[in-house]
Protein backbone atom coordinates (compact mmCIF):
# COMPACT_ATOMS: atom_id res chain seq x y z
CA UNK A 1 0.00 0.00 0.00
CA UNK A 2 1.18 3.50 -0.83
CA UNK A 3 -0.02 6.97 0.14
CA UNK A 4 -0.88 9.83 -2.21
CA UNK A 5 -0.04 12.40 0.50
CA UNK A 6 2.39 10.60 2.85
CA UNK A 7 3.50 13.84 4.51
CA UNK A 8 0.12 14.10 6.26
CA UNK A 9 0.99 11.02 8.30
CA UNK A 10 3.23 13.26 10.41
CA UNK A 11 -0.02 14.56 11.91
CA UNK A 12 -0.24 11.27 13.80
CA UNK A 13 2.33 12.78 16.17
CA UNK A 14 -0.54 14.91 17.51
CA UNK A 15 -1.68 11.79 19.38
CA UNK A 16 1.38 11.90 21.66
CA UNK A 17 0.61 15.24 23.37
CA UNK A 18 -3.06 14.20 23.60
CA UNK A 19 -2.07 11.04 25.46
CA UNK A 20 0.28 13.00 27.73
CA UNK A 21 -2.48 15.54 28.48
CA UNK A 22 -4.94 12.74 29.30
CA UNK A 23 -2.53 11.09 31.72
CA UNK A 24 -1.72 14.39 33.43
CA UNK A 25 -5.38 15.37 33.64
CA UNK A 26 -6.53 12.13 35.29
CA UNK A 27 -3.60 11.77 37.68
CA UNK A 28 -5.10 14.32 40.07
CA UNK A 29 -8.66 14.39 38.76
CA UNK A 30 -10.18 12.06 41.36
CA UNK A 31 -11.25 13.36 44.83
CA UNK A 32 -9.12 12.20 47.77
CA UNK A 33 -9.61 11.53 51.48
CA UNK A 34 -6.83 11.29 54.02
CA UNK A 35 -6.87 8.07 56.09
CA UNK A 36 -4.35 6.36 58.35
CA UNK A 37 -4.01 3.24 56.20
CA UNK A 38 -5.12 2.09 52.74
CA UNK A 39 -4.87 -1.64 53.45
CA UNK A 40 -8.65 -2.17 53.66
CA UNK A 41 -9.14 -0.80 50.10
CA UNK A 42 -6.04 -2.19 48.43
CA UNK A 43 -7.88 -5.26 47.13
CA UNK A 44 -10.89 -3.37 45.74
CA UNK A 45 -11.21 -4.00 41.97
CA UNK A 46 -11.15 -1.25 39.36
CA UNK A 47 -14.73 -0.43 38.40
CA UNK A 48 -15.94 -1.00 34.88
CA UNK A 49 -16.66 2.69 34.44
CA UNK A 50 -12.98 3.51 34.85
CA UNK A 51 -12.15 1.02 32.09
CA UNK A 52 -14.96 2.43 29.94
CA UNK A 53 -13.62 5.94 30.44
CA UNK A 54 -10.16 4.93 29.19
CA UNK A 55 -11.73 3.02 26.33
CA UNK A 56 -13.71 6.12 25.31
CA UNK A 57 -10.50 8.14 25.14
CA UNK A 58 -8.91 5.41 23.02
CA UNK A 59 -11.89 5.66 20.66
CA UNK A 60 -11.23 9.39 20.26
CA UNK A 61 -7.59 8.72 19.40
CA UNK A 62 -8.60 6.05 16.87
CA UNK A 63 -11.10 8.42 15.24
CA UNK A 64 -8.41 11.10 14.83
CA UNK A 65 -5.85 8.59 13.54
CA UNK A 66 -8.31 7.10 11.05
CA UNK A 67 -9.15 10.56 9.70
CA UNK A 68 -5.46 11.43 9.26
CA UNK A 69 -4.77 8.17 7.42
CA UNK A 70 -7.77 8.81 5.15
CA UNK A 71 -6.47 12.31 4.32
CA UNK A 72 -3.13 10.77 3.37
CA UNK A 73 -4.98 8.88 0.57
CA UNK A 74 -3.90 5.23 0.92
CA UNK A 75 -3.71 3.53 -2.48
CA UNK A 76 -2.93 0.05 -3.76
CA UNK A 77 -1.57 -0.84 -7.18
CA UNK A 78 -2.20 -4.16 -8.83
CA UNK A 79 1.40 -4.49 -9.91
CA UNK A 80 4.31 -2.64 -11.39
CA UNK A 81 5.54 -3.76 -14.78
CA UNK A 82 8.30 -2.60 -17.07
CA UNK A 83 7.29 -2.24 -20.69
CA UNK A 84 9.16 -1.21 -23.79
CA UNK A 85 7.67 1.59 -25.87
CA UNK A 86 8.79 3.21 -29.07
CA UNK A 87 8.78 7.01 -29.18
CA UNK A 88 10.46 9.94 -30.91
CA UNK A 89 9.95 13.57 -31.93
CA UNK A 90 8.42 14.02 -35.38
CA UNK A 91 7.38 17.11 -37.36
CA UNK A 92 5.14 16.80 -40.41
CA UNK A 93 6.00 19.44 -43.04
CA UNK A 94 3.08 19.53 -45.50
CA UNK A 95 3.02 21.29 -48.88
CA UNK A 96 -0.24 23.24 -49.31
CA UNK A 97 0.61 24.95 -52.61
CA UNK A 98 -1.99 25.16 -55.38
CA UNK A 99 -0.59 22.18 -57.27
CA UNK A 100 -1.66 19.92 -54.38
CA UNK A 101 -5.23 20.24 -55.67
CA UNK A 102 -4.31 18.02 -58.65
CA UNK A 103 -6.71 15.11 -59.17
CA UNK A 104 -4.22 12.37 -60.01
CA UNK A 105 -5.02 11.29 -56.43
CA UNK A 106 -8.60 10.73 -55.30
CA UNK A 107 -10.11 13.14 -54.60
CA UNK A 108 -6.96 15.33 -54.69
CA UNK A 109 -3.30 15.08 -53.72
CA UNK A 110 -3.95 17.38 -50.77
CA UNK A 111 -6.95 15.44 -49.43
CA UNK A 112 -5.13 12.13 -49.78
CA UNK A 113 -2.05 13.51 -48.01
CA UNK A 114 -4.14 14.79 -45.09
CA UNK A 115 -5.96 11.47 -44.74
CA UNK A 116 -2.77 9.39 -44.73
CA UNK A 117 -0.99 11.84 -42.42
CA UNK A 118 -3.89 11.72 -39.95
CA UNK A 119 -3.80 7.92 -39.88
CA UNK A 120 -0.03 8.02 -39.34
CA UNK A 121 -0.47 10.40 -36.39
CA UNK A 122 -3.13 8.18 -34.80
CA UNK A 123 -0.78 5.19 -34.90
CA UNK A 124 2.14 6.94 -33.17
CA UNK A 125 0.76 6.94 -29.63
CA UNK A 126 4.07 7.51 -27.81
CA UNK A 127 5.56 10.28 -29.97
CA UNK A 128 5.72 14.04 -29.66
CA UNK A 129 4.50 15.33 -33.00
CA UNK A 130 3.96 18.73 -34.61
CA UNK A 131 2.79 20.27 -37.89
CA UNK A 132 4.35 22.78 -40.29
CA UNK A 133 2.75 23.83 -43.59
CA UNK A 134 4.36 25.67 -46.47
CA UNK A 135 3.58 27.06 -49.91
CA UNK A 136 5.23 30.32 -51.00
CA UNK A 137 6.02 30.80 -47.30
CA UNK A 138 5.97 28.58 -44.24
CA UNK A 139 3.87 28.49 -41.08
CA UNK A 140 4.23 26.43 -37.90
CA UNK A 141 0.69 25.34 -37.02
CA UNK A 142 1.21 22.92 -34.13
CA UNK A 143 4.13 22.60 -31.68
CA UNK A 144 5.35 19.22 -30.47
CA UNK A 145 2.51 17.59 -28.58
CA UNK A 146 1.20 14.21 -27.45
CA UNK A 147 -2.39 15.39 -27.95
CA UNK A 148 -3.32 13.24 -30.94
CA UNK A 149 -6.82 14.67 -31.25
CA UNK A 150 -5.56 18.27 -31.42
CA UNK A 151 -2.91 17.42 -34.01
CA UNK A 152 -5.30 15.44 -36.20
CA UNK A 153 -7.81 18.27 -35.97
CA UNK A 154 -5.12 20.75 -37.10
CA UNK A 155 -4.29 18.54 -40.09
CA UNK A 156 -7.94 18.27 -41.10
CA UNK A 157 -8.59 22.01 -40.79
CA UNK A 158 -5.61 23.27 -42.82
CA UNK A 159 -6.60 24.33 -46.33
CA UNK A 160 -4.85 25.37 -49.51
CA UNK A 161 -4.90 29.13 -50.01
CA UNK A 162 -4.01 29.83 -46.37
CA UNK A 163 -0.54 30.95 -47.56
CA UNK A 164 0.80 32.75 -50.63
CA UNK A 165 1.17 30.29 -53.48
CA UNK A 166 4.51 28.80 -54.45
CA UNK A 167 6.75 26.04 -53.15
CA UNK A 168 9.25 27.16 -50.52
CA UNK A 169 10.73 23.78 -49.58
CA UNK A 170 13.75 25.34 -47.85
CA UNK A 171 11.61 27.64 -45.70
CA UNK A 172 9.25 24.80 -44.80
CA UNK A 173 12.15 22.59 -43.75
CA UNK A 174 13.72 25.42 -41.74
CA UNK A 175 10.48 26.05 -39.86
CA UNK A 176 10.25 22.33 -39.07
CA UNK A 177 13.84 22.34 -37.79
CA UNK A 178 13.16 25.33 -35.53
CA UNK A 179 10.06 23.65 -34.16
CA UNK A 180 11.62 20.25 -33.46
CA UNK A 181 14.87 21.61 -31.99
CA UNK A 182 13.23 22.03 -28.58
CA UNK A 183 12.19 18.36 -28.43
CA UNK A 184 13.49 16.17 -25.59
CA UNK A 185 13.73 12.86 -27.45
CA UNK A 186 17.09 11.60 -28.64
CA UNK A 187 15.63 10.74 -32.04
CA UNK A 188 14.26 13.65 -34.09
CA UNK A 189 12.73 13.34 -37.54
CA UNK A 190 10.99 15.51 -40.11
CA UNK A 191 8.62 14.13 -42.75
CA UNK A 192 8.53 16.59 -45.64
CA UNK A 193 5.80 16.03 -48.22
CA UNK A 194 5.74 18.06 -51.45
CA UNK A 195 4.75 17.78 -55.09
CA UNK A 196 6.94 20.44 -56.69
CA UNK A 197 10.25 22.22 -57.07
CA UNK A 198 11.59 24.90 -54.76
CA UNK A 199 10.62 28.21 -56.39
CA UNK A 200 10.04 30.57 -53.45
CA UNK A 201 11.29 31.44 -49.98
CA UNK A 202 14.56 32.72 -48.55
CA UNK A 203 16.38 29.50 -47.55
CA UNK A 204 17.73 27.10 -50.19
CA UNK A 205 16.77 23.45 -49.50
CA UNK A 206 20.45 22.43 -49.42
CA UNK A 207 21.17 24.97 -46.68
CA UNK A 208 18.22 23.77 -44.63
CA UNK A 209 19.43 20.19 -45.07
CA UNK A 210 22.87 21.10 -43.70
CA UNK A 211 21.26 22.74 -40.66
CA UNK A 212 19.22 19.58 -40.03
CA UNK A 213 22.36 17.47 -40.37
CA UNK A 214 24.25 19.60 -37.84
CA UNK A 215 21.41 19.21 -35.34
CA UNK A 216 21.16 15.45 -35.86
CA UNK A 217 17.67 15.59 -37.39
CA UNK A 218 16.67 13.03 -40.00
CA UNK A 219 14.55 14.23 -42.89
CA UNK A 220 12.29 11.83 -44.78
CA UNK A 221 11.23 13.42 -48.08
CA UNK A 222 8.15 12.34 -50.04
CA UNK A 223 7.53 13.35 -53.63
CA UNK A 224 3.78 13.19 -54.25
CA UNK A 225 2.05 12.94 -57.62
CA UNK A 226 2.98 12.42 -61.24
CA UNK A 227 5.01 14.70 -63.49
CA UNK A 228 3.37 16.36 -66.48
CA UNK A 229 0.11 18.19 -67.16
CA UNK A 230 -2.39 18.16 -64.30
CA UNK A 231 -5.81 19.66 -63.72
CA UNK A 232 -5.88 22.10 -60.81
CA UNK A 233 -9.02 23.49 -59.21
CA UNK A 234 -8.86 26.76 -57.28
CA UNK A 235 -9.48 26.53 -53.49
CA UNK A 236 -13.07 27.73 -53.92
CA UNK A 237 -13.92 25.24 -56.70
CA UNK A 238 -14.95 27.88 -59.26
CA UNK A 239 -12.36 27.26 -62.00
CA UNK A 240 -10.04 24.57 -63.28
CA UNK A 241 -6.74 25.13 -65.04
CA UNK A 242 -4.06 22.97 -66.56
CA UNK A 243 -0.43 23.33 -65.50
CA UNK A 244 2.84 21.47 -65.78
CA UNK A 245 4.30 19.99 -62.58
CA UNK A 246 7.64 18.38 -61.96
CA UNK A 247 8.92 17.01 -58.71
CA UNK A 248 12.55 17.89 -58.00
CA UNK A 249 13.53 14.37 -57.03
CA UNK A 250 17.24 15.18 -57.11
CA UNK A 251 16.87 17.91 -54.48
CA UNK A 252 14.64 15.77 -52.27
CA UNK A 253 17.11 12.89 -52.47
CA UNK A 254 19.97 15.18 -51.49
CA UNK A 255 18.06 16.44 -48.46
CA UNK A 256 17.29 12.89 -47.32
CA UNK A 257 20.81 11.57 -47.95
CA UNK A 258 22.48 14.51 -46.20
CA UNK A 259 20.46 14.00 -43.01
CA UNK A 260 20.43 10.21 -42.85
CA UNK A 261 16.80 9.98 -43.90
CA UNK A 262 15.26 8.48 -47.00
CA UNK A 263 13.51 9.67 -50.17
CA UNK A 264 10.17 8.19 -51.22
CA UNK A 265 8.17 8.54 -54.39
CA UNK A 266 4.37 8.22 -54.17
CA UNK A 267 2.45 8.31 -57.47
CA UNK A 268 -0.93 7.25 -56.08
CA UNK A 269 -2.83 6.84 -52.83
CA UNK A 270 -1.72 3.24 -52.29
CA UNK A 271 1.95 4.13 -52.68
CA UNK A 272 1.52 7.09 -50.31
CA UNK A 273 0.04 4.83 -47.63
CA UNK A 274 2.91 2.39 -48.13
CA UNK A 275 5.42 5.23 -47.74
CA UNK A 276 3.99 6.26 -44.37
CA UNK A 277 3.83 2.63 -43.26
CA UNK A 278 7.52 2.24 -44.09
CA UNK A 279 8.43 5.42 -42.22
CA UNK A 280 6.39 4.15 -39.29
CA UNK A 281 8.50 0.98 -39.20
CA UNK A 282 11.80 2.85 -39.67
CA UNK A 283 11.44 5.71 -37.25
CA UNK A 284 11.18 4.14 -33.81
CA UNK A 285 13.14 4.60 -30.58
CA UNK A 286 12.87 1.91 -27.90
CA UNK A 287 12.40 3.08 -24.31
CA UNK A 288 11.89 1.17 -21.06
CA UNK A 289 8.99 2.55 -19.05
CA UNK A 290 7.62 1.43 -15.66
CA UNK A 291 3.84 1.44 -15.56
CA UNK A 292 1.19 0.71 -12.95
CA UNK A 293 -1.76 -1.10 -14.43
CA UNK A 294 -4.45 0.09 -11.99
CA UNK A 295 -4.69 2.27 -8.89
CA UNK A 296 -7.34 1.77 -6.21
CA UNK A 297 -8.21 4.41 -3.62
CA UNK A 298 -8.51 2.91 -0.13
CA UNK A 299 -9.34 5.96 1.98
CA UNK A 300 -13.05 5.15 2.40
CA UNK A 301 -12.57 2.23 4.86
CA UNK A 302 -10.49 4.56 7.05
CA UNK A 303 -13.21 7.22 6.93
CA UNK A 304 -15.83 4.63 7.92
CA UNK A 305 -13.56 3.34 10.70
CA UNK A 306 -13.06 6.88 12.01
CA UNK A 307 -16.80 7.63 11.94
CA UNK A 308 -17.61 4.36 13.70
CA UNK A 309 -15.03 5.02 16.43
CA UNK A 310 -16.30 8.55 16.99
CA UNK A 311 -19.93 7.37 16.91
CA UNK A 312 -19.21 4.73 19.55
CA UNK A 313 -17.47 7.34 21.68
CA UNK A 314 -20.51 9.63 21.51
CA UNK A 315 -22.80 6.73 22.41
CA UNK A 316 -20.73 5.94 25.50
CA UNK A 317 -20.32 9.61 26.40
CA UNK A 318 -24.04 10.25 26.55
CA UNK A 319 -25.10 6.93 28.07
CA UNK A 320 -22.92 4.95 30.48
CA UNK A 321 -20.40 7.79 30.92
CA UNK A 322 -22.90 10.61 31.16
CA UNK A 323 -22.06 13.10 33.87
CA UNK A 324 -24.51 15.10 35.94
CA UNK A 325 -23.29 18.59 36.73
């Protein structure tokens, strides 16, 4: 058995001065009569009321002690077990440029990426994860957190058109690096998902890759979609245009190789799911964690014991030990 508030048990020391006061009080509390000899009364037995009086005081002490123990919150745990978990710090860097509305994925590249990313987040129960989005500029939407619901909600709510259009891969990677640098895990990783070539921003992708390498951060790069002419619908769904897209595979490979990560190519939804499944199997850190399976509160029996002791004291005080002024 353990106590939630063990420091309160020091209050049990209050019982010592109470006992001392009781002894001092009753030493000279009885009336006395001077006589020449006590031999005639030496063999008289102690009356039952004297025993009852001491018993009543003991009940008071037990009531106080039971209340103190209850306040200390006694608890029992079924058992302690050591388990091995896999956890790390991960930042998702998601491209939200206009080309992500291409329909070579169903319904679009962007919708498919959000769906797969959300599933990936839900499966990583022991990780600290965050979210960065980028287009012509970058934005850190969610810091490292273990709140899966909040992170998945942030992924679902992000929309294309929230940032100026373009593809600033270097800026997006730099924002992800700045966000993950404060993480406590030994293993830090960035998953960068894009469908284009760096054509905006202030930081070249190669420079951002070197910064990640210096900080010991792995970068997994994912090239999404097919090269060539694609149909793009504006964020409001009013018009459709045709544009040429080309994924800069060479740059994405260089980023991954420089940081110890890996480059993936996903040309459809199935391949994208496989990519995230592979990253899920690659990026794991094993930790030993001690866990209690269940915790039971055991203060109520002590409260009941205290109430019963005090109730019995009151019953004796106003019946057999009642005093007439």
